[in-house]
Amino acid sequence: MTQGSLARSSLVMVGGSFASRALGVVRAALLTAIIGTRAAGDAFNLANTLPNVFYLLAAGGILNAVLIPSLSRAMKLEDGGKEFTDRVITIALVAMAGITVLVLVGAGAFVSFLSGGRADVEGLALAFAYICLPQIFFYGAFALFGQILNARNRFGAFAWAPFIANVVAVIGLVIFIVVYPAPQVVTAQGQPLPRGPEQWTTPMIWLFAGSATVSVIAQAAFLLPALFRTGFRYRPRWGLRGVGLGGVSRLAVWAFVGLAVSQVGFFITQWVLNTAAHRSGRPPDDPLRATSVYAVAFTIFMLPHAFIAVSIITALFPRLSKAAADQDVAGFKADFRRGMLLPLVANVPVMVFVMVAATPIVALLTPGIDGPSIELAGIVLVVMILGIVPFGVDLLCYRVFFALEDGRSPLLMQAVLTTVSLTGGIITLALDPKWAIAVVATAQTLGNVASSTTGILLLRRKLGLLGLAEIVNSTARIGVAAAGAGLLAWGTMTVLSPILGDPTAPSSAVDRIFTSGIVLGFAGLLFAVVYLALAHALHVREVRDVADMVRRRLA
């Protein structure tokens, strides 16, 4: 893949990610408007958690890690890797079907454990779970088909399929709002009170959760025409011998062990949050009791990560795999440095701006939730965003190690991350439950820092000096430019907020969108202009490189 094709691929993925995430914001706003961030919202978040986590791990971990390097090598075979790919698809689809069935059978135990004894959410969560859990198979199929396309340097359909999923989901949610209008009940603060779990009927549950599952099916199906256009035709093939699957299976074992470790950490984190909510003794409508606030903050945290790091690193991964297959160590190191530098150009200023403007950002993206929940989600978002840079480095290190067919190093990274998260969970149980969400978010950030540091040290031991002095120098200059822009943006918001009003004050969703949009528009524009000007003055070459990529693509 040439530098120009890398730029085009990255921009295609960024475009798809942007469109998908923009519509995803609408989807999230509709979700919170319907189900809220209290008990019913916690029930849906709990039920929909496992399919979403499986997708993140499958698309960003197991299937991507195992398939791309192996397919890059298999495509050099006489049949272009056809038999190899057929066998991998057959094995993967059967395995994912088996996992889906097992999880469905164990859904009751899964919900009971994660609910942490919260009787107010357990029944509704189980009903949602039976409808949502089949998403696991279709998320896996989407990741599988997408990585086959990526190995053939076809990125468009994979990047835009989530947009199709969001279209389907939004249609379903709009139908729900029309058929089941929100009850006219308000809290003591004058905010709309969402339905409690006892108010959800069977048809409502099927329409709400079913639209989510149908959207995932549509996402996977959208990739099939693109696969056919590459000339690929699938033929089920059974058996593992004689096609070079030995290396793949060994790598897959390490990846699955890493998955198991991460799932342990994830499940315990969810259990800690729900247990703390149960122990707090707070009323069901208290935002400090609701774990959905954590989910709101994490969803917003993932937006820039998906736009920036995932798009760039995913487009870079086939190139890394080819360099590894060709034993081009110098080229491999250069691509690794590029994978670190390009996301930094945007991730560092994003981190600074979100720290300055977290509350209005939450208010703009989830205007349907109440003021106290917005305020709490903003605090959690600030803690999370501090880890966005190491989170991206984590992803890059995982891809680099799997390109080198090294499954042990990612497992060690995951063990470090999970250990830090579990430590945070233990500390949480010893503290006042009101601190649970903040402590868990802090543990997530510290875990990402520890894991990414471990990955870089392991990679240095494997490849020697990585040339990181250039990255440190560029990061320092990017940080100075972002800090200067952030200071001016903070001043702008300080002036505008008293004039336009507090985004956490009781108001309608439309008023909240207008107020937050005006504040963020002025502050964001000033931030971008000042950041680019300071970056230019400080000779941050990578900013010009990204701008040139965009200009070439537009031309």
Protein backbone atom coordinates (compact mmCIF):
# COMPACT_ATOMS: atom_id res chain seq x y z
CA MET A 1 0.00 0.00 0.00
CA THR A 2 1.49 3.34 -1.08
CA GLN A 3 1.46 6.51 1.02
CA GLY A 4 -1.27 7.92 -1.23
CA SER A 5 -3.43 4.83 -0.92
CA LEU A 6 -2.94 4.85 2.85
CA ALA A 7 -4.17 8.45 2.90
CA ARG A 8 -7.17 7.59 0.73
CA SER A 9 -8.02 4.52 2.81
CA SER A 10 -7.72 6.46 6.06
CA LEU A 11 -9.96 9.24 4.75
CA VAL A 12 -12.56 6.79 3.42
CA MET A 13 -12.69 5.23 6.86
CA VAL A 14 -12.75 8.60 8.61
CA GLY A 15 -15.63 9.66 6.33
CA GLY A 16 -17.58 6.50 7.08
CA SER A 17 -16.81 6.78 10.77
CA PHE A 18 -17.86 10.43 10.83
CA ALA A 19 -21.18 9.75 9.09
CA SER A 20 -21.84 6.74 11.29
CA ARG A 21 -20.91 8.52 14.51
CA ALA A 22 -22.91 11.62 13.58
CA LEU A 23 -26.00 9.49 13.08
CA GLY A 24 -24.97 7.50 16.14
CA VAL A 25 -25.28 10.68 18.17
CA VAL A 26 -28.89 10.97 16.96
CA ARG A 27 -29.42 7.32 17.84
CA ALA A 28 -27.96 7.80 21.33
CA ALA A 29 -30.11 10.89 21.89
CA LEU A 30 -33.23 8.94 20.91
CA LEU A 31 -32.21 6.04 23.15
CA THR A 32 -31.73 8.24 26.19
CA ALA A 33 -34.92 10.16 25.42
CA ILE A 34 -36.88 6.88 25.40
CA ILE A 35 -35.24 4.90 28.18
CA GLY A 36 -33.29 7.50 30.20
CA THR A 37 -30.29 6.94 32.46
CA ARG A 38 -32.10 5.45 35.44
CA ALA A 39 -33.26 1.88 36.18
CA ALA A 40 -34.70 1.00 32.74
CA GLY A 41 -31.67 2.55 31.05
CA ASP A 42 -29.39 0.49 33.28
CA ALA A 43 -31.34 -2.65 32.34
CA PHE A 44 -30.89 -2.08 28.60
CA ASN A 45 -27.26 -1.09 29.01
CA LEU A 46 -26.61 -4.28 30.97
CA ALA A 47 -28.35 -6.48 28.38
CA ASN A 48 -26.73 -4.81 25.39
CA THR A 49 -23.26 -4.84 26.92
CA LEU A 50 -22.02 -8.29 25.94
CA PRO A 51 -22.77 -8.01 22.19
CA ASN A 52 -21.11 -4.59 22.05
CA VAL A 53 -18.03 -5.74 23.92
CA PHE A 54 -17.77 -8.82 21.74
CA TYR A 55 -17.84 -6.61 18.67
CA LEU A 56 -15.09 -4.32 20.00
CA LEU A 57 -12.93 -7.30 20.85
CA ALA A 58 -13.70 -9.18 17.63
CA ALA A 59 -13.35 -6.25 15.21
CA GLY A 60 -10.45 -4.64 17.04
CA GLY A 61 -8.87 -7.77 18.43
CA ILE A 62 -9.31 -11.45 17.66
CA LEU A 63 -10.55 -11.60 14.05
CA ASN A 64 -8.59 -8.56 12.89
CA ALA A 65 -5.44 -9.64 14.68
CA VAL A 66 -5.57 -13.21 13.42
CA LEU A 67 -6.95 -12.74 9.93
CA ILE A 68 -5.14 -9.77 8.41
CA PRO A 69 -1.55 -11.05 8.85
CA SER A 70 -2.55 -14.59 7.87
CA LEU A 71 -4.57 -13.51 4.83
CA SER A 72 -1.70 -11.27 3.70
CA ARG A 73 0.51 -14.35 3.62
CA ALA A 74 -2.15 -16.68 2.19
CA MET A 75 -2.86 -14.32 -0.74
CA LYS A 76 0.64 -15.09 -2.02
CA LEU A 77 -0.34 -18.75 -2.52
CA GLU A 78 -1.23 -20.16 -5.92
CA ASP A 79 -5.00 -19.96 -5.34
CA GLY A 80 -4.77 -16.44 -3.89
CA GLY A 81 -5.66 -17.76 -0.45
CA LYS A 82 -9.12 -18.99 -1.52
CA GLU A 83 -9.06 -22.35 0.29
CA PHE A 84 -7.48 -20.81 3.37
CA THR A 85 -10.15 -18.10 3.55
CA ASP A 86 -12.99 -20.59 3.03
CA ARG A 87 -11.79 -22.73 5.92
CA VAL A 88 -11.31 -19.75 8.23
CA ILE A 89 -14.82 -18.46 7.46
CA THR A 90 -16.35 -21.88 8.10
CA ILE A 91 -14.54 -22.32 11.41
CA ALA A 92 -15.26 -18.75 12.54
CA LEU A 93 -18.99 -18.85 11.71
CA VAL A 94 -19.47 -22.17 13.49
CA ALA A 95 -17.51 -20.92 16.52
CA MET A 96 -19.51 -17.69 16.70
CA ALA A 97 -22.79 -19.59 16.42
CA GLY A 98 -21.68 -21.84 19.27
CA ILE A 99 -20.66 -18.89 21.44
CA THR A 100 -24.00 -17.18 20.78
CA VAL A 101 -25.96 -20.28 21.82
CA LEU A 102 -23.88 -20.72 24.98
CA VAL A 103 -24.35 -17.09 25.99
CA LEU A 104 -28.11 -17.32 25.38
CA VAL A 105 -28.31 -20.43 27.55
CA GLY A 106 -26.40 -18.66 30.30
CA ALA A 107 -28.20 -15.33 29.94
CA GLY A 108 -29.95 -15.65 33.29
CA ALA A 109 -26.70 -16.17 35.19
CA PHE A 110 -25.01 -13.41 33.20
CA VAL A 111 -27.73 -10.86 34.03
CA SER A 112 -27.99 -11.95 37.66
CA PHE A 113 -24.24 -11.50 38.21
CA LEU A 114 -23.90 -8.18 36.42
CA SER A 115 -26.96 -6.66 38.08
CA GLY A 116 -25.20 -6.83 41.44
CA GLY A 117 -28.41 -7.69 43.27
CA ARG A 118 -30.47 -4.87 41.73
CA ALA A 119 -33.94 -6.36 41.65
CA ASP A 120 -35.23 -3.17 40.00
CA VAL A 121 -33.38 -3.93 36.76
CA GLU A 122 -32.88 -7.70 36.64
CA GLY A 123 -36.22 -8.75 35.12
CA LEU A 124 -36.26 -6.16 32.34
CA ALA A 125 -32.56 -6.71 31.65
CA LEU A 126 -33.14 -10.43 31.08
CA ALA A 127 -35.99 -9.73 28.66
CA PHE A 128 -33.78 -7.31 26.73
CA ALA A 129 -30.88 -9.78 26.82
CA TYR A 130 -32.72 -12.60 25.06
CA ILE A 131 -33.44 -10.24 22.15
CA CYS A 132 -30.02 -8.52 22.08
CA LEU A 133 -27.64 -11.45 22.57
CA PRO A 134 -28.09 -12.92 19.03
CA GLN A 135 -26.25 -9.77 17.93
CA ILE A 136 -23.05 -11.60 18.94
CA PHE A 137 -23.18 -13.82 15.85
CA PHE A 138 -23.88 -10.95 13.46
CA TYR A 139 -21.27 -8.68 15.04
CA GLY A 140 -18.78 -11.49 14.54
CA ALA A 141 -19.86 -12.03 10.93
CA PHE A 142 -19.51 -8.29 10.30
CA ALA A 143 -15.98 -8.26 11.74
CA LEU A 144 -15.04 -11.41 9.79
CA PHE A 145 -16.30 -10.16 6.40
CA GLY A 146 -14.82 -6.73 7.06
CA GLN A 147 -11.34 -8.06 7.71
CA ILE A 148 -11.45 -10.12 4.51
CA LEU A 149 -12.28 -6.91 2.64
CA ASN A 150 -9.52 -5.02 4.47
CA ALA A 151 -6.98 -7.69 3.53
CA ARG A 152 -7.89 -6.95 -0.09
CA ASN A 153 -7.46 -3.21 0.55
CA ARG A 154 -11.22 -2.59 0.20
CA PHE A 155 -12.15 -0.32 3.10
CA GLY A 156 -15.26 1.53 1.95
CA ALA A 157 -18.06 -0.93 2.75
CA PHE A 158 -16.59 -1.85 6.14
CA ALA A 159 -16.31 1.84 7.06
CA TRP A 160 -19.85 2.72 5.97
CA ALA A 161 -21.74 -0.37 7.20
CA PRO A 162 -22.20 1.08 10.73
CA PHE A 163 -23.93 4.05 9.11
CA ILE A 164 -26.48 1.65 7.61
CA ALA A 165 -26.92 0.05 11.02
CA ASN A 166 -27.62 3.42 12.59
CA VAL A 167 -30.16 4.26 9.87
CA VAL A 168 -32.08 1.07 10.67
CA ALA A 169 -31.83 1.68 14.42
CA VAL A 170 -32.99 5.29 14.17
CA ILE A 171 -36.00 4.25 12.09
CA GLY A 172 -36.91 1.69 14.75
CA LEU A 173 -36.57 4.23 17.57
CA VAL A 174 -38.65 6.83 15.74
CA ILE A 175 -41.39 4.23 15.24
CA PHE A 176 -41.20 3.47 18.97
CA ILE A 177 -41.63 7.14 19.89
CA VAL A 178 -44.63 7.44 17.56
CA VAL A 179 -46.31 4.25 18.79
CA TYR A 180 -45.43 4.70 22.48
CA PRO A 181 -45.25 8.42 23.37
CA ALA A 182 -43.35 9.29 26.55
CA PRO A 183 -45.45 9.52 29.74
CA GLN A 184 -45.92 13.08 30.98
CA VAL A 185 -44.26 12.59 34.37
CA VAL A 186 -41.55 14.89 35.76
CA THR A 187 -39.02 14.76 38.60
CA ALA A 188 -38.93 17.20 41.53
CA GLN A 189 -36.52 19.31 39.46
CA GLY A 190 -39.01 19.54 36.59
CA GLN A 191 -37.16 17.08 34.33
CA PRO A 192 -39.09 14.40 32.35
CA LEU A 193 -39.03 11.09 34.22
CA PRO A 194 -38.47 8.05 31.95
CA ARG A 195 -40.54 4.89 32.27
CA GLY A 196 -39.70 2.58 35.13
CA PRO A 197 -38.98 -1.12 34.42
CA GLU A 198 -42.50 -2.09 35.50
CA GLN A 199 -44.00 0.09 32.73
CA TRP A 200 -42.36 -1.79 29.86
CA THR A 201 -44.76 -4.16 28.06
CA THR A 202 -43.74 -7.12 25.90
CA PRO A 203 -44.45 -5.35 22.54
CA MET A 204 -42.44 -2.33 23.73
CA ILE A 205 -39.50 -4.56 24.68
CA TRP A 206 -39.54 -6.34 21.32
CA LEU A 207 -39.72 -3.13 19.29
CA PHE A 208 -37.03 -1.33 21.29
CA ALA A 209 -34.49 -4.16 21.59
CA GLY A 210 -35.48 -5.76 18.28
CA SER A 211 -34.60 -2.63 16.31
CA ALA A 212 -31.10 -2.79 17.81
CA THR A 213 -30.65 -6.42 16.75
CA VAL A 214 -32.05 -5.87 13.25
CA SER A 215 -29.61 -2.98 12.79
CA VAL A 216 -26.68 -5.32 13.51
CA ILE A 217 -28.01 -7.87 11.00
CA ALA A 218 -28.27 -5.11 8.36
CA GLN A 219 -24.69 -4.04 9.12
CA ALA A 220 -23.32 -7.52 8.40
CA ALA A 221 -25.49 -8.02 5.31
CA PHE A 222 -24.28 -4.71 3.83
CA LEU A 223 -20.78 -6.20 3.37
CA LEU A 224 -21.86 -9.16 1.25
CA PRO A 225 -22.25 -7.28 -2.09
CA ALA A 226 -18.82 -5.68 -1.58
CA LEU A 227 -17.30 -9.12 -1.00
CA PHE A 228 -18.90 -10.46 -4.18
CA ARG A 229 -17.56 -7.48 -6.16
CA THR A 230 -14.00 -8.49 -5.24
CA GLY A 231 -14.62 -11.79 -7.03
CA PHE A 232 -14.67 -13.74 -3.79
CA ARG A 233 -17.05 -16.71 -3.63
CA TYR A 234 -17.44 -18.61 -0.40
CA ARG A 235 -17.52 -22.39 -0.37
CA PRO A 236 -17.85 -24.15 3.01
CA ARG A 237 -14.76 -26.23 3.70
CA TRP A 238 -14.22 -28.39 6.76
CA GLY A 239 -10.96 -29.56 8.26
CA LEU A 240 -7.83 -27.76 9.36
CA ARG A 241 -4.87 -29.61 7.93
CA GLY A 242 -2.74 -28.77 4.95
CA VAL A 243 -3.58 -25.08 4.49
CA GLY A 244 -1.32 -23.40 7.03
CA LEU A 245 -3.89 -22.90 9.76
CA GLY A 246 -1.48 -24.08 12.45
CA GLY A 247 0.01 -20.63 12.94
CA VAL A 248 -3.42 -19.06 12.86
CA SER A 249 -4.77 -21.44 15.51
CA ARG A 250 -1.83 -20.77 17.82
CA LEU A 251 -2.31 -17.03 17.44
CA ALA A 252 -6.04 -17.45 17.96
CA VAL A 253 -5.46 -19.32 21.22
CA TRP A 254 -3.45 -16.40 22.59
CA ALA A 255 -6.10 -13.97 21.36
CA PHE A 256 -8.90 -15.94 23.02
CA VAL A 257 -6.99 -16.13 26.30
CA GLY A 258 -6.59 -12.36 26.11
CA LEU A 259 -10.33 -12.11 25.45
CA ALA A 260 -11.04 -14.19 28.53
CA VAL A 261 -8.81 -11.98 30.68
CA SER A 262 -10.45 -8.81 29.37
CA GLN A 263 -13.93 -10.24 29.91
CA VAL A 264 -13.12 -11.04 33.52
CA GLY A 265 -12.08 -7.43 34.08
CA PHE A 266 -15.09 -6.09 32.23
CA PHE A 267 -17.65 -8.23 34.04
CA ILE A 268 -16.20 -7.39 37.43
CA THR A 269 -16.25 -3.68 36.58
CA GLN A 270 -19.93 -3.88 35.66
CA TRP A 271 -20.65 -5.90 38.80
CA VAL A 272 -18.84 -3.32 40.94
CA LEU A 273 -20.85 -0.45 39.44
CA ASN A 274 -24.18 -2.18 39.96
CA THR A 275 -23.22 -3.42 43.43
CA ALA A 276 -22.23 0.10 44.44
CA ALA A 277 -25.56 1.39 43.10
CA HIS A 278 -27.40 -1.25 45.13
CA ARG A 279 -25.40 -0.52 48.32
CA SER A 280 -25.81 3.23 48.05
CA GLY A 281 -29.40 3.14 49.29
CA ARG A 282 -30.21 6.07 47.01
CA PRO A 283 -33.66 6.34 45.39
CA PRO A 284 -34.03 4.90 41.85
CA ASP A 285 -34.21 8.38 40.29
CA ASP A 286 -30.84 9.49 41.77
CA PRO A 287 -28.22 9.75 38.97
CA LEU A 288 -25.49 8.56 41.37
CA ARG A 289 -27.33 5.23 41.49
CA ALA A 290 -27.50 4.84 37.71
CA THR A 291 -24.66 3.06 35.91
CA SER A 292 -25.97 4.36 32.57
CA VAL A 293 -24.16 7.65 33.28
CA TYR A 294 -20.89 5.72 32.95
CA ALA A 295 -22.09 4.29 29.63
CA VAL A 296 -23.00 7.78 28.35
CA ALA A 297 -19.52 9.09 29.18
CA PHE A 298 -17.81 6.05 27.64
CA THR A 299 -19.85 6.35 24.43
CA ILE A 300 -18.75 9.97 24.00
CA PHE A 301 -15.16 9.03 24.86
CA MET A 302 -15.20 6.46 22.06
CA LEU A 303 -16.28 8.98 19.39
CA PRO A 304 -12.88 10.62 18.79
CA HIS A 305 -11.10 7.30 19.25
CA ALA A 306 -13.18 5.75 16.46
CA PHE A 307 -12.82 8.81 14.20
CA ILE A 308 -9.08 9.10 14.59
CA ALA A 309 -7.08 6.18 15.96
CA VAL A 310 -9.24 3.30 14.71
CA SER A 311 -9.53 4.73 11.17
CA ILE A 312 -5.81 5.44 10.77
CA ILE A 313 -4.52 2.27 12.45
CA THR A 314 -7.00 -0.02 10.66
CA ALA A 315 -5.93 1.40 7.29
CA LEU A 316 -2.28 1.01 8.31
CA PHE A 317 -2.58 -2.57 9.52
CA PRO A 318 -2.36 -4.38 6.13
CA ARG A 319 0.78 -2.34 5.43
CA LEU A 320 2.28 -3.40 8.78
CA SER A 321 1.38 -7.02 8.04
CA LYS A 322 3.04 -6.86 4.63
CA ALA A 323 6.21 -5.32 6.09
CA ALA A 324 6.29 -8.09 8.70
CA ALA A 325 5.77 -10.77 6.05
CA ASP A 326 8.58 -9.26 3.94
CA GLN A 327 10.82 -8.97 7.05
CA ASP A 328 11.22 -5.25 6.35
CA VAL A 329 12.17 -4.18 9.88
CA ALA A 330 13.01 -0.58 8.95
CA GLY A 331 9.72 -0.14 7.10
CA PHE A 332 7.84 -1.80 9.95
CA LYS A 333 9.31 0.61 12.51
CA ALA A 334 8.57 3.59 10.25
CA ASP A 335 4.92 2.52 9.94
CA PHE A 336 4.72 2.04 13.71
CA ARG A 337 5.95 5.59 14.27
CA ARG A 338 3.47 6.86 11.67
CA GLY A 339 0.69 5.01 13.46
CA MET A 340 1.62 6.81 16.68
CA LEU A 341 2.17 10.29 15.26
CA LEU A 342 -0.84 10.78 12.99
CA PRO A 343 -3.48 10.10 15.69
CA LEU A 344 -1.60 12.35 18.14
CA VAL A 345 -2.16 15.37 15.89
CA ALA A 346 -5.89 15.17 16.61
CA ASN A 347 -6.11 13.17 19.85
CA VAL A 348 -4.09 15.60 21.97
CA PRO A 349 -6.17 18.69 21.06
CA VAL A 350 -9.36 16.63 21.38
CA MET A 351 -8.29 15.64 24.89
CA VAL A 352 -7.66 19.26 25.87
CA PHE A 353 -10.91 20.57 24.37
CA VAL A 354 -13.03 17.85 25.99
CA MET A 355 -11.44 18.61 29.37
CA VAL A 356 -12.47 22.25 28.92
CA ALA A 357 -15.95 21.62 27.50
CA ALA A 358 -17.06 18.23 28.85
CA THR A 359 -20.39 19.35 30.34
CA PRO A 360 -21.77 21.17 27.27
CA ILE A 361 -20.53 18.30 25.08
CA VAL A 362 -22.57 15.82 27.12
CA ALA A 363 -25.56 18.19 27.07
CA LEU A 364 -25.36 18.55 23.28
CA LEU A 365 -24.97 14.84 22.52
CA THR A 366 -27.48 13.55 25.12
CA PRO A 367 -29.93 16.42 25.62
CA GLY A 368 -32.72 14.13 26.79
CA ILE A 369 -31.15 13.26 30.15
CA ASP A 370 -31.52 15.36 33.30
CA GLY A 371 -29.12 18.04 34.53
CA PRO A 372 -27.53 16.10 37.42
CA SER A 373 -26.80 13.18 35.09
CA ILE A 374 -25.23 15.55 32.55
CA GLU A 375 -23.02 17.06 35.24
CA LEU A 376 -21.90 13.65 36.53
CA ALA A 377 -21.30 12.29 33.01
CA GLY A 378 -19.18 15.38 32.26
CA ILE A 379 -16.95 14.70 35.26
CA VAL A 380 -16.53 11.04 34.29
CA LEU A 381 -15.80 12.06 30.68
CA VAL A 382 -12.95 14.34 31.81
CA VAL A 383 -11.36 11.44 33.70
CA MET A 384 -11.77 9.10 30.73
CA ILE A 385 -10.48 11.51 28.09
CA LEU A 386 -7.14 11.74 29.89
CA GLY A 387 -6.57 8.20 28.64
CA ILE A 388 -7.44 8.71 24.98
CA VAL A 389 -3.81 8.88 23.81
CA PRO A 390 -2.65 5.71 25.60
CA PHE A 391 -5.90 4.03 24.52
CA GLY A 392 -4.93 4.64 20.90
CA VAL A 393 -1.36 3.48 21.53
CA ASP A 394 -2.83 0.33 23.09
CA LEU A 395 -4.72 -0.41 19.88
CA LEU A 396 -1.62 0.22 17.76
CA CYS A 397 0.55 -2.07 19.90
CA TYR A 398 -2.03 -4.86 19.70
CA ARG A 399 -2.08 -4.60 15.90
CA VAL A 400 1.72 -4.44 15.69
CA PHE A 401 2.21 -7.57 17.78
CA PHE A 402 -0.39 -9.53 15.87
CA ALA A 403 1.19 -8.43 12.58
CA LEU A 404 4.38 -10.02 13.96
CA GLU A 405 2.28 -13.10 14.89
CA ASP A 406 3.13 -12.53 18.55
CA GLY A 407 0.11 -13.36 20.69
CA ARG A 408 1.86 -13.43 24.07
CA SER A 409 2.72 -9.74 24.28
CA PRO A 410 -0.90 -8.55 23.78
CA LEU A 411 -1.94 -11.04 26.46
CA LEU A 412 0.56 -9.50 28.88
CA MET A 413 -0.70 -6.01 28.00
CA GLN A 414 -4.28 -7.12 28.66
CA ALA A 415 -3.26 -8.72 31.95
CA VAL A 416 -1.72 -5.41 33.08
CA LEU A 417 -4.86 -3.48 32.06
CA THR A 418 -7.19 -5.94 33.78
CA THR A 419 -5.07 -5.94 36.95
CA VAL A 420 -5.30 -2.16 37.22
CA SER A 421 -9.06 -2.27 36.57
CA LEU A 422 -9.58 -4.97 39.20
CA THR A 423 -7.55 -2.96 41.69
CA GLY A 424 -9.83 -0.01 41.01
CA GLY A 425 -12.84 -2.25 41.60
CA ILE A 426 -11.49 -3.46 44.94
CA ILE A 427 -10.83 0.13 46.02
CA THR A 428 -14.34 1.10 44.92
CA LEU A 429 -15.95 -1.50 47.17
CA ALA A 430 -14.03 -0.09 50.14
CA LEU A 431 -15.18 3.50 49.52
CA ASP A 432 -18.46 5.36 49.77
CA PRO A 433 -20.59 4.07 46.83
CA LYS A 434 -21.04 7.64 45.55
CA TRP A 435 -17.42 7.54 44.31
CA ALA A 436 -17.88 4.29 42.35
CA ILE A 437 -18.24 5.72 38.84
CA ALA A 438 -15.34 8.16 39.23
CA VAL A 439 -12.99 5.53 40.67
CA VAL A 440 -13.82 2.99 37.95
CA ALA A 441 -13.23 5.64 35.25
CA THR A 442 -9.89 6.56 36.85
CA ALA A 443 -8.86 2.90 36.93
CA GLN A 444 -9.71 2.63 33.22
CA THR A 445 -7.47 5.59 32.39
CA LEU A 446 -4.58 4.37 34.54
CA GLY A 447 -4.97 0.89 33.07
CA ASN A 448 -4.63 2.26 29.54
CA VAL A 449 -1.48 4.14 30.54
CA ALA A 450 0.05 1.04 32.13
CA SER A 451 -0.93 -1.23 29.25
CA SER A 452 0.38 1.05 26.48
CA THR A 453 3.65 1.57 28.37
CA THR A 454 4.02 -2.19 28.69
CA GLY A 455 3.37 -2.62 24.96
CA ILE A 456 6.03 -0.10 23.94
CA LEU A 457 8.61 -1.68 26.27
CA LEU A 458 7.86 -5.16 24.92
CA LEU A 459 8.07 -3.93 21.33
CA ARG A 460 11.39 -2.21 22.00
CA ARG A 461 12.76 -5.45 23.43
CA LYS A 462 11.57 -7.30 20.33
CA LEU A 463 12.68 -4.84 17.61
CA GLY A 464 15.33 -2.68 19.29
CA LEU A 465 15.26 1.10 19.30
CA LEU A 466 12.01 2.43 17.85
CA GLY A 467 13.03 6.05 17.20
CA LEU A 468 10.57 7.45 19.74
CA ALA A 469 12.54 10.66 20.34
CA GLU A 470 10.82 12.17 17.29
CA ILE A 471 7.42 11.25 18.70
CA VAL A 472 8.19 12.73 22.12
CA ASN A 473 9.38 15.96 20.50
CA SER A 474 6.30 16.25 18.29
CA THR A 475 3.96 15.40 21.17
CA ALA A 476 5.45 18.17 23.31
CA ARG A 477 4.89 20.76 20.57
CA ILE A 478 1.38 19.49 19.87
CA GLY A 479 0.65 19.67 23.61
CA VAL A 480 1.83 23.29 23.85
CA ALA A 481 -0.34 24.29 20.88
CA ALA A 482 -3.38 22.46 22.30
CA ALA A 483 -2.89 23.95 25.78
CA GLY A 484 -2.77 27.49 24.40
CA ALA A 485 -5.91 26.91 22.36
CA GLY A 486 -7.63 25.28 25.34
CA LEU A 487 -6.93 28.28 27.56
CA LEU A 488 -8.62 30.65 25.11
CA ALA A 489 -11.54 28.26 24.60
CA TRP A 490 -12.03 28.09 28.37
CA GLY A 491 -12.08 31.89 28.54
CA THR A 492 -14.68 32.04 25.77
CA MET A 493 -16.93 29.55 27.55
CA THR A 494 -16.53 31.42 30.84
CA VAL A 495 -17.87 34.56 29.15
CA LEU A 496 -20.69 32.87 27.18
CA SER A 497 -22.05 30.47 29.81
CA PRO A 498 -23.63 33.12 32.10
CA ILE A 499 -25.22 34.76 29.06
CA LEU A 500 -26.65 31.63 27.45
CA GLY A 501 -27.38 29.68 30.62
CA ASP A 502 -26.21 26.55 32.41
CA PRO A 503 -26.63 23.41 30.22
CA THR A 504 -27.41 21.37 33.34
CA ALA A 505 -30.32 23.61 34.39
CA PRO A 506 -33.86 22.24 33.88
CA SER A 507 -34.84 22.89 30.26
CA SER A 508 -36.17 21.17 27.16
CA ALA A 509 -33.90 19.09 24.93
CA VAL A 510 -34.22 21.70 22.15
CA ASP A 511 -33.13 24.53 24.46
CA ARG A 512 -30.24 22.45 25.73
CA ILE A 513 -29.07 21.65 22.20
CA PHE A 514 -29.27 25.32 21.22
CA THR A 515 -27.42 26.59 24.30
CA SER A 516 -24.69 23.95 24.19
CA GLY A 517 -24.35 24.21 20.43
CA ILE A 518 -23.76 27.97 20.53
CA VAL A 519 -21.16 27.70 23.31
CA LEU A 520 -19.35 24.79 21.68
CA GLY A 521 -19.53 26.41 18.24
CA PHE A 522 -17.80 29.61 19.32
CA ALA A 523 -15.33 27.90 21.66
CA GLY A 524 -14.60 25.09 19.20
CA LEU A 525 -13.98 27.43 16.26
CA LEU A 526 -11.63 29.57 18.33
CA PHE A 527 -9.87 26.47 19.64
CA ALA A 528 -9.33 25.05 16.13
CA VAL A 529 -8.00 28.32 14.68
CA VAL A 530 -5.62 28.97 17.58
CA TYR A 531 -4.43 25.35 17.67
CA LEU A 532 -3.63 25.28 13.96
CA ALA A 533 -1.90 28.68 14.16
CA LEU A 534 0.24 27.64 17.13
CA ALA A 535 1.01 24.25 15.56
CA HIS A 536 2.19 26.02 12.41
CA ALA A 537 4.31 28.44 14.45
CA LEU A 538 5.85 25.52 16.37
CA HIS A 539 6.59 23.64 13.12
CA VAL A 540 4.40 20.64 13.89
CA ARG A 541 4.95 18.95 10.55
CA GLU A 542 2.36 16.25 11.18
CA VAL A 543 -0.48 18.80 11.13
CA ARG A 544 0.55 19.80 7.63
CA ASP A 545 0.79 16.12 6.64
CA VAL A 546 -2.79 15.45 7.76
CA ALA A 547 -4.02 18.64 6.06
CA ASP A 548 -2.26 17.61 2.83
CA MET A 549 -3.93 14.19 3.03
CA VAL A 550 -7.34 15.85 3.28
CA ARG A 551 -6.61 18.31 0.45
CA ARG A 552 -5.38 15.54 -1.86
CA ARG A 553 -8.47 13.48 -1.13
CA LEU A 554 -10.81 16.40 -1.77
CA ALA A 555 -8.99 17.21 -5.00
